[in-house]
Amino acid sequence: MVHVIIHWLVSAVALIITAYLVRGFEVKNFFSAMMAAVVIGLANIFIWPVLIFLTLPLNILTLGLFTFVVNGIVLKICAALMPGFEIRSWGAAIFGALILAIVGTLLHTVLV
């Protein structure tokens, strides 16, 4: 259980760092980041596989690079559902997905 909480907190910190680095990607406070991390996690469980399946031909044509667009779509959906978490443009969503993946991987590698 402690491992899940640490993973959740590290994901929230990754969201805050991404908001600091990407213009148009905003998180109001740490509590909003924690709730957004939960919503993003749930969206990655339920929505992401469906979108990946529907966009499989594009993913094959782009050799998997379209996955970042799918991740941006998931982030934009989560931002629409969460007060205190805002993504202003599709470019910020896609670039934010890339930065969030890098920052999250680095933090999880170092801290967890």
N, C-alpha and C. Protein backbone atom coordinates (compact mmCIF):
# COMPACT_ATOMS: atom_id res chain seq x y z
N MET A 1 0.82 -1.20 0.00
CA MET A 1 0.00 0.00 0.00
C MET A 1 0.86 1.26 0.00
N VAL A 2 1.97 1.21 0.73
CA VAL A 2 2.87 2.36 0.78
C VAL A 2 3.46 2.62 -0.60
N HIS A 3 3.74 1.55 -1.33
CA HIS A 3 4.30 1.69 -2.67
C HIS A 3 3.32 2.44 -3.59
N VAL A 4 2.04 2.15 -3.49
CA VAL A 4 1.02 2.82 -4.30
C VAL A 4 0.96 4.30 -3.97
N ILE A 5 1.02 4.64 -2.70
CA ILE A 5 0.97 6.05 -2.28
C ILE A 5 2.21 6.80 -2.77
N ILE A 6 3.37 6.18 -2.67
CA ILE A 6 4.60 6.81 -3.16
C ILE A 6 4.51 7.02 -4.67
N HIS A 7 4.03 6.02 -5.39
CA HIS A 7 3.86 6.13 -6.83
C HIS A 7 2.91 7.28 -7.18
N TRP A 8 1.83 7.40 -6.43
CA TRP A 8 0.84 8.46 -6.64
C TRP A 8 1.47 9.84 -6.39
N LEU A 9 2.23 9.98 -5.31
CA LEU A 9 2.87 11.27 -5.00
C LEU A 9 3.92 11.63 -6.04
N VAL A 10 4.69 10.65 -6.48
CA VAL A 10 5.70 10.92 -7.51
C VAL A 10 5.03 11.33 -8.82
N SER A 11 3.91 10.72 -9.16
CA SER A 11 3.17 11.11 -10.36
C SER A 11 2.65 12.54 -10.24
N ALA A 12 2.20 12.93 -9.06
CA ALA A 12 1.73 14.30 -8.84
C ALA A 12 2.88 15.29 -8.98
N VAL A 13 4.05 14.94 -8.45
CA VAL A 13 5.22 15.81 -8.59
C VAL A 13 5.62 15.92 -10.06
N ALA A 14 5.54 14.82 -10.81
CA ALA A 14 5.85 14.85 -12.24
C ALA A 14 4.89 15.79 -12.97
N LEU A 15 3.62 15.80 -12.58
CA LEU A 15 2.65 16.72 -13.18
C LEU A 15 3.02 18.18 -12.89
N ILE A 16 3.44 18.47 -11.67
CA ILE A 16 3.80 19.83 -11.32
C ILE A 16 5.05 20.27 -12.08
N ILE A 17 6.03 19.40 -12.20
CA ILE A 17 7.24 19.73 -12.96
C ILE A 17 6.89 19.95 -14.43
N THR A 18 6.02 19.12 -14.98
CA THR A 18 5.60 19.29 -16.36
C THR A 18 4.88 20.62 -16.55
N ALA A 19 4.04 20.98 -15.59
CA ALA A 19 3.33 22.27 -15.66
C ALA A 19 4.31 23.43 -15.62
N TYR A 20 5.40 23.27 -14.90
CA TYR A 20 6.43 24.31 -14.83
C TYR A 20 7.18 24.42 -16.17
N LEU A 21 7.37 23.31 -16.85
CA LEU A 21 8.18 23.29 -18.07
C LEU A 21 7.41 23.59 -19.35
N VAL A 22 6.12 23.28 -19.38
CA VAL A 22 5.33 23.39 -20.62
C VAL A 22 4.36 24.55 -20.50
N ARG A 23 4.46 25.48 -21.42
CA ARG A 23 3.53 26.62 -21.46
C ARG A 23 2.16 26.13 -21.93
N GLY A 24 1.12 26.51 -21.20
CA GLY A 24 -0.23 26.08 -21.54
C GLY A 24 -0.69 24.85 -20.79
N PHE A 25 0.18 24.31 -19.96
CA PHE A 25 -0.10 23.12 -19.15
C PHE A 25 -0.07 23.60 -17.71
N GLU A 26 -1.22 23.69 -17.07
CA GLU A 26 -1.29 24.33 -15.76
C GLU A 26 -1.92 23.42 -14.70
N VAL A 27 -1.30 23.42 -13.53
CA VAL A 27 -1.83 22.72 -12.36
C VAL A 27 -1.92 23.77 -11.26
N LYS A 28 -3.10 23.92 -10.67
CA LYS A 28 -3.33 24.99 -9.70
C LYS A 28 -2.53 24.80 -8.41
N ASN A 29 -2.55 23.61 -7.83
CA ASN A 29 -1.83 23.36 -6.58
C ASN A 29 -1.53 21.86 -6.48
N PHE A 30 -0.87 21.47 -5.38
CA PHE A 30 -0.46 20.08 -5.23
C PHE A 30 -1.66 19.14 -5.09
N PHE A 31 -2.71 19.60 -4.41
CA PHE A 31 -3.90 18.77 -4.28
C PHE A 31 -4.53 18.50 -5.65
N SER A 32 -4.58 19.53 -6.49
CA SER A 32 -5.09 19.34 -7.86
C SER A 32 -4.22 18.37 -8.63
N ALA A 33 -2.91 18.44 -8.42
CA ALA A 33 -1.99 17.51 -9.09
C ALA A 33 -2.23 16.08 -8.62
N MET A 34 -2.49 15.92 -7.33
CA MET A 34 -2.75 14.57 -6.81
C MET A 34 -4.04 14.00 -7.39
N MET A 35 -5.08 14.82 -7.46
CA MET A 35 -6.35 14.35 -8.01
C MET A 35 -6.23 14.11 -9.52
N ALA A 36 -5.48 14.97 -10.20
CA ALA A 36 -5.26 14.77 -11.63
C ALA A 36 -4.47 13.49 -11.89
N ALA A 37 -3.53 13.17 -11.01
CA ALA A 37 -2.76 11.92 -11.16
C ALA A 37 -3.68 10.71 -11.06
N VAL A 38 -4.67 10.78 -10.17
CA VAL A 38 -5.63 9.68 -10.05
C VAL A 38 -6.48 9.58 -11.31
N VAL A 39 -6.98 10.71 -11.79
CA VAL A 39 -7.83 10.70 -12.98
C VAL A 39 -7.04 10.24 -14.21
N ILE A 40 -5.80 10.69 -14.33
CA ILE A 40 -4.96 10.25 -15.45
C ILE A 40 -4.70 8.75 -15.36
N GLY A 41 -4.44 8.26 -14.16
CA GLY A 41 -4.24 6.82 -13.98
C GLY A 41 -5.46 6.01 -14.38
N LEU A 42 -6.64 6.47 -13.98
CA LEU A 42 -7.87 5.77 -14.36
C LEU A 42 -8.13 5.86 -15.86
N ALA A 43 -7.84 7.02 -16.45
CA ALA A 43 -8.01 7.17 -17.89
C ALA A 43 -7.03 6.27 -18.65
N ASN A 44 -5.84 6.11 -18.12
CA ASN A 44 -4.87 5.21 -18.75
C ASN A 44 -5.30 3.76 -18.67
N ILE A 45 -6.09 3.43 -17.67
CA ILE A 45 -6.59 2.06 -17.55
C ILE A 45 -7.78 1.82 -18.49
N PHE A 46 -8.70 2.77 -18.58
CA PHE A 46 -9.95 2.55 -19.29
C PHE A 46 -10.02 3.16 -20.68
N ILE A 47 -9.51 4.37 -20.88
CA ILE A 47 -9.67 5.08 -22.15
C ILE A 47 -8.50 4.81 -23.10
N TRP A 48 -7.28 4.81 -22.58
CA TRP A 48 -6.08 4.69 -23.41
C TRP A 48 -6.08 3.43 -24.28
N PRO A 49 -6.40 2.24 -23.74
CA PRO A 49 -6.39 1.04 -24.61
C PRO A 49 -7.39 1.12 -25.76
N VAL A 50 -8.53 1.72 -25.51
CA VAL A 50 -9.54 1.86 -26.57
C VAL A 50 -9.02 2.78 -27.66
N LEU A 51 -8.43 3.92 -27.26
CA LEU A 51 -7.89 4.85 -28.25
C LEU A 51 -6.73 4.25 -29.03
N ILE A 52 -5.88 3.50 -28.35
CA ILE A 52 -4.76 2.85 -29.05
C ILE A 52 -5.29 1.84 -30.08
N PHE A 53 -6.32 1.09 -29.70
CA PHE A 53 -6.91 0.13 -30.64
C PHE A 53 -7.52 0.84 -31.85
N LEU A 54 -8.24 1.94 -31.60
CA LEU A 54 -8.89 2.67 -32.70
C LEU A 54 -7.89 3.35 -33.62
N THR A 55 -6.75 3.74 -33.09
CA THR A 55 -5.74 4.44 -33.89
C THR A 55 -4.59 3.53 -34.31
N LEU A 56 -4.78 2.24 -34.22
CA LEU A 56 -3.71 1.29 -34.54
C LEU A 56 -3.13 1.47 -35.95
N PRO A 57 -3.95 1.69 -36.98
CA PRO A 57 -3.35 1.90 -38.30
C PRO A 57 -2.42 3.13 -38.35
N LEU A 58 -2.83 4.23 -37.72
CA LEU A 58 -1.97 5.42 -37.67
C LEU A 58 -0.71 5.16 -36.85
N ASN A 59 -0.86 4.41 -35.80
CA ASN A 59 0.30 4.07 -34.96
C ASN A 59 1.30 3.23 -35.75
N ILE A 60 0.81 2.31 -36.54
CA ILE A 60 1.70 1.49 -37.36
C ILE A 60 2.39 2.33 -38.42
N LEU A 61 1.63 3.22 -39.08
CA LEU A 61 2.21 4.07 -40.12
C LEU A 61 3.28 5.02 -39.57
N THR A 62 3.09 5.49 -38.35
CA THR A 62 4.05 6.44 -37.76
C THR A 62 5.07 5.75 -36.87
N LEU A 63 5.10 4.43 -36.92
CA LEU A 63 6.04 3.64 -36.12
C LEU A 63 5.92 3.92 -34.62
N GLY A 64 4.69 4.13 -34.18
CA GLY A 64 4.43 4.32 -32.76
C GLY A 64 4.45 5.75 -32.28
N LEU A 65 4.83 6.69 -33.12
CA LEU A 65 4.89 8.09 -32.68
C LEU A 65 3.52 8.69 -32.43
N PHE A 66 2.48 8.13 -33.05
CA PHE A 66 1.12 8.63 -32.82
C PHE A 66 0.67 8.37 -31.39
N THR A 67 1.38 7.52 -30.68
CA THR A 67 1.06 7.25 -29.27
C THR A 67 1.12 8.53 -28.45
N PHE A 68 2.04 9.43 -28.79
CA PHE A 68 2.12 10.70 -28.06
C PHE A 68 0.86 11.53 -28.28
N VAL A 69 0.27 11.46 -29.46
CA VAL A 69 -0.99 12.16 -29.72
C VAL A 69 -2.10 11.54 -28.88
N VAL A 70 -2.13 10.22 -28.81
CA VAL A 70 -3.14 9.53 -27.98
C VAL A 70 -2.96 9.93 -26.52
N ASN A 71 -1.71 9.97 -26.05
CA ASN A 71 -1.46 10.41 -24.67
C ASN A 71 -1.92 11.85 -24.46
N GLY A 72 -1.71 12.71 -25.46
CA GLY A 72 -2.19 14.09 -25.38
C GLY A 72 -3.70 14.17 -25.32
N ILE A 73 -4.38 13.30 -26.07
CA ILE A 73 -5.85 13.25 -26.03
C ILE A 73 -6.32 12.84 -24.64
N VAL A 74 -5.68 11.84 -24.06
CA VAL A 74 -6.05 11.39 -22.71
C VAL A 74 -5.83 12.51 -21.70
N LEU A 75 -4.71 13.22 -21.82
CA LEU A 75 -4.45 14.34 -20.90
C LEU A 75 -5.48 15.44 -21.08
N LYS A 76 -5.85 15.74 -22.32
CA LYS A 76 -6.84 16.79 -22.58
C LYS A 76 -8.21 16.40 -22.01
N ILE A 77 -8.58 15.12 -22.12
CA ILE A 77 -9.84 14.64 -21.54
C ILE A 77 -9.80 14.80 -20.02
N CYS A 78 -8.68 14.42 -19.41
CA CYS A 78 -8.55 14.54 -17.96
C CYS A 78 -8.60 15.99 -17.51
N ALA A 79 -7.98 16.88 -18.29
CA ALA A 79 -8.01 18.30 -17.94
C ALA A 79 -9.43 18.86 -18.03
N ALA A 80 -10.21 18.34 -18.97
CA ALA A 80 -11.61 18.79 -19.08
C ALA A 80 -12.44 18.33 -17.90
N LEU A 81 -12.06 17.22 -17.28
CA LEU A 81 -12.83 16.67 -16.16
C LEU A 81 -12.40 17.23 -14.80
N MET A 82 -11.19 17.75 -14.71
CA MET A 82 -10.61 18.14 -13.42
C MET A 82 -10.53 19.65 -13.25
N PRO A 83 -11.16 20.19 -12.22
CA PRO A 83 -10.91 21.60 -11.91
C PRO A 83 -9.51 21.74 -11.30
N GLY A 84 -8.81 22.79 -11.67
CA GLY A 84 -7.46 23.00 -11.15
C GLY A 84 -6.38 22.39 -12.03
N PHE A 85 -6.77 21.71 -13.09
CA PHE A 85 -5.84 21.13 -14.06
C PHE A 85 -6.31 21.56 -15.43
N GLU A 86 -5.48 22.35 -16.12
CA GLU A 86 -5.90 22.93 -17.39
C GLU A 86 -4.81 22.76 -18.44
N ILE A 87 -5.24 22.39 -19.64
CA ILE A 87 -4.35 22.34 -20.79
C ILE A 87 -5.01 23.21 -21.86
N ARG A 88 -4.29 24.26 -22.27
CA ARG A 88 -4.90 25.27 -23.13
C ARG A 88 -4.95 24.91 -24.61
N SER A 89 -4.04 24.09 -25.10
CA SER A 89 -4.01 23.79 -26.53
C SER A 89 -3.64 22.33 -26.76
N TRP A 90 -3.90 21.88 -27.99
CA TRP A 90 -3.53 20.51 -28.33
C TRP A 90 -2.02 20.35 -28.38
N GLY A 91 -1.33 21.39 -28.81
CA GLY A 91 0.13 21.33 -28.82
C GLY A 91 0.70 21.17 -27.43
N ALA A 92 0.12 21.90 -26.48
CA ALA A 92 0.56 21.77 -25.08
C ALA A 92 0.24 20.39 -24.54
N ALA A 93 -0.88 19.82 -24.97
CA ALA A 93 -1.26 18.48 -24.51
C ALA A 93 -0.28 17.43 -25.03
N ILE A 94 0.06 17.52 -26.31
CA ILE A 94 0.96 16.52 -26.89
C ILE A 94 2.38 16.70 -26.37
N PHE A 95 2.87 17.94 -26.33
CA PHE A 95 4.21 18.20 -25.80
C PHE A 95 4.25 17.88 -24.31
N GLY A 96 3.18 18.19 -23.60
CA GLY A 96 3.08 17.87 -22.18
C GLY A 96 3.10 16.37 -21.94
N ALA A 97 2.47 15.60 -22.84
CA ALA A 97 2.50 14.14 -22.72
C ALA A 97 3.93 13.62 -22.85
N LEU A 98 4.68 14.19 -23.78
CA LEU A 98 6.08 13.78 -23.97
C LEU A 98 6.92 14.13 -22.74
N ILE A 99 6.79 15.36 -22.27
CA ILE A 99 7.56 15.80 -21.10
C ILE A 99 7.14 15.03 -19.85
N LEU A 100 5.84 14.81 -19.69
CA LEU A 100 5.35 14.06 -18.53
C LEU A 100 5.89 12.63 -18.54
N ALA A 101 5.97 12.02 -19.70
CA ALA A 101 6.52 10.66 -19.79
C ALA A 101 7.99 10.64 -19.39
N ILE A 102 8.75 11.63 -19.86
CA ILE A 102 10.18 11.69 -19.53
C ILE A 102 10.38 11.98 -18.05
N VAL A 103 9.71 13.01 -17.54
CA VAL A 103 9.87 13.39 -16.13
C VAL A 103 9.38 12.28 -15.22
N GLY A 104 8.23 11.69 -15.54
CA GLY A 104 7.69 10.61 -14.72
C GLY A 104 8.62 9.40 -14.67
N THR A 105 9.18 9.06 -15.82
CA THR A 105 10.12 7.94 -15.86
C THR A 105 11.37 8.23 -15.04
N LEU A 106 11.91 9.43 -15.18
CA LEU A 106 13.10 9.80 -14.41
C LEU A 106 12.83 9.78 -12.91
N LEU A 107 11.72 10.39 -12.51
CA LEU A 107 11.39 10.43 -11.07
C LEU A 107 11.13 9.04 -10.51
N HIS A 108 10.40 8.21 -11.25
CA HIS A 108 10.11 6.87 -10.76
C HIS A 108 11.38 6.02 -10.70
N THR A 109 12.29 6.24 -11.63
CA THR A 109 13.55 5.50 -11.61
C THR A 109 14.39 5.89 -10.40
N VAL A 110 14.44 7.17 -10.11
CA VAL A 110 15.27 7.66 -9.01
C VAL A 110 14.63 7.43 -7.65
N LEU A 111 13.31 7.65 -7.53
CA LEU A 111 12.67 7.66 -6.22
C LEU A 111 11.98 6.36 -5.82
N VAL A 112 11.52 5.59 -6.78
CA VAL A 112 10.73 4.40 -6.41
C VAL A 112 11.53 3.15 -6.61
